[in-house]
Amino acid sequence: MSATTVDPYARATATSAYQFLYGLNPLAKVAAFVPAMVLLVFVRDLVTPAAFLALAVVLLLVGARITWRLLLLLVALPLGMAVIGLSFALWVDTARVDGTVPVLSVGDWTLYSGALMLGLATALRLGAIVALALVGGLTTNGPDLVRASIQQLRVPYRIGYTALAAFRFVPRFGYELSVIRAAHRVRGHHGGRGPFSRLARGWGYIVPLLAGAIRHAERVALAMDSRAFGAHPIRTERHLVPFRRRDVVFLALSLGATAAIFLVASPWHPSV
């Protein structure tokens, strides 16, 4: 039997050049677009967020695996932007935009083109920020981000791996809840339909779910104690997440693209 061990939580590095985002250091993907996400909060034009939105979508389509989750997000994102843009357009103070062209009138209320532009600009900013966050969020798993933070940012391992253990509680709770639901269905506990039956079933999940969470926390604590967790200031790493030349290139190109978009668009002058 081979002595090599495999971490079930570590995502394998993509071998295809068309899925290059998975082979990058998580910190490089985060740092590449943090300046753009911060600056997008202060812009008021349409071109700048639209350019970043297009850049993020292209990166996801080229550098990530095309899965149903990615396609669903790419469909839901413009729909959410449309709802947000229309909502903000309806909430805009008409005194600020009454000098623009009227688009729709209902009684004494009038929707102006300036309000639509403000709503669209707000929706584009939010959509661009979300899309840039998805570049790293969809191609990075939690364990690798924690390992990179410990190895490159020198985050204390006591904090990093404790956060990682807490992060892994979430799928465990989902599994426990599915087991509890199956056990209740087998026993016919709180059957029936309607809101009251659903409320009764939900209330019946609380106690066994808390008991399972306590047992799981005790097992995790014993496992960490048995490995002398926290006994020494540093620990050796089983899985390395290096910061390679490709990460430097990606970071430089992303920051360069950010600077180029802001220089060309010049978004610091409101369009409305």
Protein backbone atom coordinates (compact mmCIF):
# COMPACT_ATOMS: atom_id res chain seq x y z
CA MET A 1 0.00 0.00 0.00
CA SER A 2 1.32 3.43 -0.91
CA ALA A 3 2.48 5.65 1.93
CA THR A 4 1.15 8.73 0.18
CA THR A 5 -1.87 10.26 1.91
CA VAL A 6 -4.49 12.36 0.22
CA ASP A 7 -6.29 15.24 1.84
CA PRO A 8 -10.00 14.87 0.92
CA TYR A 9 -10.53 18.60 1.40
CA ALA A 10 -7.71 19.73 -0.88
CA ARG A 11 -8.90 20.42 -4.41
CA ALA A 12 -6.65 18.97 -7.06
CA THR A 13 -4.76 21.45 -9.19
CA ALA A 14 -6.28 21.69 -12.64
CA THR A 15 -4.09 20.20 -15.34
CA SER A 16 -5.80 22.05 -18.18
CA ALA A 17 -4.39 25.41 -19.16
CA TYR A 18 -7.96 26.60 -19.67
CA GLN A 19 -8.68 26.18 -15.96
CA PHE A 20 -5.70 28.14 -14.73
CA LEU A 21 -7.53 29.83 -11.84
CA TYR A 22 -7.47 26.61 -9.81
CA GLY A 23 -3.68 26.47 -9.97
CA LEU A 24 -3.17 29.95 -8.55
CA ASN A 25 -2.45 30.80 -4.94
CA PRO A 26 -5.66 31.87 -3.16
CA LEU A 27 -4.02 35.02 -1.83
CA ALA A 28 -3.07 36.08 -5.36
CA LYS A 29 -6.68 35.81 -6.49
CA VAL A 30 -7.88 37.81 -3.50
CA ALA A 31 -5.24 40.54 -3.69
CA ALA A 32 -5.64 40.90 -7.46
CA PHE A 33 -9.09 42.46 -7.24
CA VAL A 34 -9.38 43.90 -3.74
CA PRO A 35 -8.23 47.39 -4.92
CA ALA A 36 -10.78 47.33 -7.74
CA MET A 37 -13.58 46.24 -5.40
CA VAL A 38 -12.77 49.03 -2.96
CA LEU A 39 -12.52 51.71 -5.66
CA LEU A 40 -15.75 50.58 -7.31
CA VAL A 41 -17.63 51.73 -4.22
CA PHE A 42 -16.75 55.34 -5.05
CA VAL A 43 -17.34 55.46 -8.81
CA ARG A 44 -20.58 56.79 -10.30
CA ASP A 45 -20.22 56.13 -14.02
CA LEU A 46 -21.39 53.17 -16.10
CA VAL A 47 -18.27 52.33 -18.08
CA THR A 48 -15.96 51.45 -15.19
CA PRO A 49 -18.16 48.84 -13.44
CA ALA A 50 -19.25 47.44 -16.81
CA ALA A 51 -15.61 46.91 -17.77
CA PHE A 52 -14.81 45.13 -14.50
CA LEU A 53 -17.98 43.04 -14.82
CA ALA A 54 -16.95 41.95 -18.31
CA LEU A 55 -13.41 41.21 -17.12
CA ALA A 56 -14.65 39.02 -14.27
CA VAL A 57 -17.08 37.10 -16.50
CA VAL A 58 -14.36 36.45 -19.08
CA LEU A 59 -11.98 35.19 -16.39
CA LEU A 60 -14.63 32.85 -14.99
CA LEU A 61 -15.57 31.47 -18.40
CA VAL A 62 -11.94 30.98 -19.44
CA GLY A 63 -10.21 30.04 -16.18
CA ALA A 64 -12.89 28.10 -14.26
CA ARG A 65 -14.76 24.88 -14.84
CA ILE A 66 -18.11 25.39 -16.53
CA THR A 67 -20.50 23.88 -13.99
CA TRP A 68 -24.21 24.28 -13.36
CA ARG A 69 -23.41 26.43 -10.32
CA LEU A 70 -21.33 28.84 -12.40
CA LEU A 71 -23.98 29.03 -15.12
CA LEU A 72 -26.69 29.59 -12.53
CA LEU A 73 -24.72 32.44 -10.96
CA LEU A 74 -24.06 34.02 -14.36
CA VAL A 75 -27.79 33.92 -15.08
CA ALA A 76 -28.87 35.11 -11.64
CA LEU A 77 -26.37 37.99 -11.58
CA PRO A 78 -27.93 40.06 -14.41
CA LEU A 79 -31.42 39.33 -13.11
CA GLY A 80 -30.44 40.58 -9.67
CA MET A 81 -28.78 43.63 -11.19
CA ALA A 82 -31.97 44.43 -13.12
CA VAL A 83 -34.07 44.22 -9.96
CA ILE A 84 -31.61 46.35 -7.98
CA GLY A 85 -31.32 48.93 -10.76
CA LEU A 86 -35.08 49.33 -11.09
CA SER A 87 -35.53 49.47 -7.31
CA PHE A 88 -32.93 52.20 -6.89
CA ALA A 89 -34.41 54.11 -9.81
CA LEU A 90 -37.77 54.16 -8.06
CA TRP A 91 -36.22 55.37 -4.79
CA VAL A 92 -34.18 58.21 -6.26
CA ASP A 93 -35.22 61.68 -5.14
CA THR A 94 -36.94 63.26 -8.16
CA ALA A 95 -35.60 66.68 -7.17
CA ARG A 96 -32.10 65.48 -8.12
CA VAL A 97 -33.06 64.27 -11.61
CA ASP A 98 -36.07 66.39 -12.63
CA GLY A 99 -33.92 68.12 -15.26
CA THR A 100 -33.55 64.89 -17.28
CA VAL A 101 -35.94 63.34 -19.79
CA PRO A 102 -39.19 61.89 -18.37
CA VAL A 103 -39.58 58.18 -19.14
CA LEU A 104 -42.79 57.18 -17.38
CA SER A 105 -45.55 59.14 -15.64
CA VAL A 106 -48.21 57.76 -13.30
CA GLY A 107 -50.38 60.50 -11.85
CA ASP A 108 -48.14 62.99 -10.09
CA TRP A 109 -45.19 60.61 -10.08
CA THR A 110 -42.65 60.68 -12.92
CA LEU A 111 -39.74 58.38 -13.64
CA TYR A 112 -36.85 60.27 -15.18
CA SER A 113 -33.98 58.95 -17.27
CA GLY A 114 -31.55 60.32 -14.69
CA ALA A 115 -33.08 58.05 -12.05
CA LEU A 116 -32.71 55.07 -14.35
CA MET A 117 -29.08 55.96 -14.95
CA LEU A 118 -28.41 56.22 -11.22
CA GLY A 119 -30.13 52.89 -10.59
CA LEU A 120 -28.21 51.24 -13.43
CA ALA A 121 -24.90 52.64 -12.17
CA THR A 122 -25.59 51.30 -8.67
CA ALA A 123 -26.59 47.88 -10.00
CA LEU A 124 -23.48 47.73 -12.18
CA ARG A 125 -21.23 48.60 -9.23
CA LEU A 126 -22.74 45.89 -7.06
CA GLY A 127 -22.70 43.36 -9.89
CA ALA A 128 -19.06 44.10 -10.68
CA ILE A 129 -18.04 43.73 -7.03
CA VAL A 130 -19.88 40.41 -6.75
CA ALA A 131 -18.41 39.12 -10.03
CA LEU A 132 -14.86 40.03 -8.99
CA ALA A 133 -15.39 38.26 -5.67
CA LEU A 134 -16.59 35.16 -7.54
CA VAL A 135 -13.28 34.90 -9.43
CA GLY A 136 -11.57 33.79 -6.24
CA GLY A 137 -14.61 32.45 -4.43
CA LEU A 138 -15.59 29.86 -7.04
CA THR A 139 -12.04 28.62 -7.67
CA THR A 140 -10.70 28.47 -4.11
CA ASN A 141 -11.61 26.18 -1.22
CA GLY A 142 -11.49 27.12 2.43
CA PRO A 143 -8.61 24.86 3.50
CA ASP A 144 -6.28 26.19 0.80
CA LEU A 145 -7.09 29.80 1.75
CA VAL A 146 -6.33 29.05 5.40
CA ARG A 147 -3.10 27.27 4.53
CA ALA A 148 -1.97 30.12 2.28
CA SER A 149 -2.76 32.66 5.00
CA ILE A 150 -0.69 30.71 7.50
CA GLN A 151 2.23 30.10 5.14
CA GLN A 152 2.43 33.47 3.34
CA LEU A 153 0.73 35.98 5.68
CA ARG A 154 2.10 34.35 8.84
CA VAL A 155 -1.32 34.09 10.43
CA PRO A 156 -0.91 32.11 13.69
CA TYR A 157 -1.80 28.50 13.04
CA ARG A 158 -3.85 28.43 16.23
CA ILE A 159 -6.23 30.95 14.67
CA GLY A 160 -6.12 29.61 11.12
CA TYR A 161 -6.73 25.95 11.82
CA THR A 162 -9.32 26.71 14.48
CA ALA A 163 -11.21 28.72 11.88
CA LEU A 164 -10.79 25.82 9.43
CA ALA A 165 -12.23 23.39 11.98
CA ALA A 166 -15.19 25.71 12.52
CA PHE A 167 -15.65 26.01 8.72
CA ARG A 168 -15.88 22.23 8.43
CA PHE A 169 -18.69 22.18 10.98
CA VAL A 170 -21.10 23.51 8.32
CA PRO A 171 -21.19 20.45 6.01
CA ARG A 172 -21.19 18.24 9.09
CA PHE A 173 -24.33 19.97 10.36
CA GLY A 174 -25.96 19.47 6.97
CA TYR A 175 -25.23 15.75 7.12
CA GLU A 176 -26.51 15.48 10.69
CA LEU A 177 -29.72 17.30 9.74
CA SER A 178 -30.34 14.94 6.81
CA VAL A 179 -29.90 11.92 9.12
CA ILE A 180 -32.29 13.39 11.70
CA ARG A 181 -34.91 14.13 9.04
CA ALA A 182 -34.65 10.58 7.68
CA ALA A 183 -35.01 9.13 11.19
CA HIS A 184 -38.10 11.27 11.85
CA ARG A 185 -39.68 10.22 8.56
CA VAL A 186 -39.10 6.54 9.32
CA ARG A 187 -40.81 6.93 12.71
CA GLY A 188 -43.66 9.05 11.34
CA HIS A 189 -42.74 11.86 13.74
CA HIS A 190 -44.74 15.09 13.17
CA GLY A 191 -46.16 13.97 9.84
CA GLY A 192 -48.64 15.92 7.78
CA ARG A 193 -48.59 19.10 5.77
CA GLY A 194 -49.10 22.74 6.47
CA PRO A 195 -47.18 25.44 8.33
CA PHE A 196 -47.90 24.05 11.82
CA SER A 197 -46.64 20.57 10.93
CA ARG A 198 -43.53 22.09 9.37
CA LEU A 199 -42.94 24.19 12.48
CA ALA A 200 -43.34 21.14 14.69
CA ARG A 201 -40.87 19.16 12.59
CA GLY A 202 -38.36 22.00 12.69
CA TRP A 203 -38.66 22.29 16.45
CA GLY A 204 -38.03 18.56 16.75
CA TYR A 205 -34.72 18.87 14.90
CA ILE A 206 -33.17 21.31 17.39
CA VAL A 207 -32.35 19.01 20.32
CA PRO A 208 -30.79 16.11 18.34
CA LEU A 209 -28.90 18.58 16.14
CA LEU A 210 -27.43 20.30 19.20
CA ALA A 211 -26.53 16.93 20.72
CA GLY A 212 -24.77 15.89 17.52
CA ALA A 213 -22.94 19.22 17.38
CA ILE A 214 -21.69 18.80 20.94
CA ARG A 215 -20.48 15.26 20.24
CA HIS A 216 -18.70 16.40 17.07
CA ALA A 217 -17.07 19.32 18.92
CA GLU A 218 -15.81 16.96 21.62
CA ARG A 219 -14.30 14.62 19.02
CA VAL A 220 -12.59 17.53 17.25
CA ALA A 221 -11.23 18.86 20.56
CA LEU A 222 -9.85 15.43 21.51
CA ALA A 223 -8.27 15.03 18.06
CA MET A 224 -6.58 18.42 18.33
CA ASP A 225 -5.34 17.72 21.86
CA SER A 226 -3.96 14.32 20.81
CA ARG A 227 -1.88 16.11 18.16
CA ALA A 228 -0.53 18.67 20.65
CA PHE A 229 -2.36 21.50 18.93
CA GLY A 230 -1.16 24.82 20.38
CA ALA A 231 1.75 23.30 22.29
CA HIS A 232 4.40 24.88 20.04
CA PRO A 233 4.64 28.29 18.36
CA ILE A 234 4.91 26.77 14.85
CA ARG A 235 3.89 23.54 13.18
CA THR A 236 5.10 21.75 10.08
CA GLU A 237 2.78 21.87 7.06
CA ARG A 238 1.50 18.71 5.45
CA HIS A 239 0.13 20.51 2.38
CA LEU A 240 2.10 23.42 0.96
CA VAL A 241 0.41 26.23 -0.98
CA PRO A 242 3.37 28.05 -2.55
CA PHE A 243 3.35 31.50 -4.09
CA ARG A 244 4.78 30.80 -7.55
CA ARG A 245 5.85 32.91 -10.49
CA ARG A 246 2.46 32.39 -12.10
CA ASP A 247 0.84 34.06 -9.08
CA VAL A 248 3.10 37.08 -9.41
CA VAL A 249 2.28 37.35 -13.12
CA PHE A 250 -1.47 37.05 -12.50
CA LEU A 251 -1.31 39.62 -9.71
CA ALA A 252 0.67 42.06 -11.84
CA LEU A 253 -1.63 41.65 -14.85
CA SER A 254 -4.76 42.08 -12.73
CA LEU A 255 -3.49 45.21 -11.03
CA GLY A 256 -2.33 46.54 -14.39
CA ALA A 257 -5.78 45.90 -15.89
CA THR A 258 -7.36 47.68 -12.92
CA ALA A 259 -5.14 50.73 -13.38
CA ALA A 260 -5.77 50.76 -17.15
CA ILE A 261 -9.55 50.63 -16.75
CA PHE A 262 -9.56 53.50 -14.28
CA LEU A 263 -7.20 55.58 -16.42
CA VAL A 264 -9.22 55.08 -19.60
CA ALA A 265 -12.69 55.40 -18.05
CA SER A 266 -11.81 58.36 -15.75
CA PRO A 267 -14.80 57.65 -13.50
CA TRP A 268 -14.29 60.44 -11.01
CA HIS A 269 -16.69 62.79 -12.80
CA PRO A 270 -20.38 61.87 -12.30
CA SER A 271 -22.25 61.26 -15.50
CA VAL A 272 -25.59 62.40 -14.06
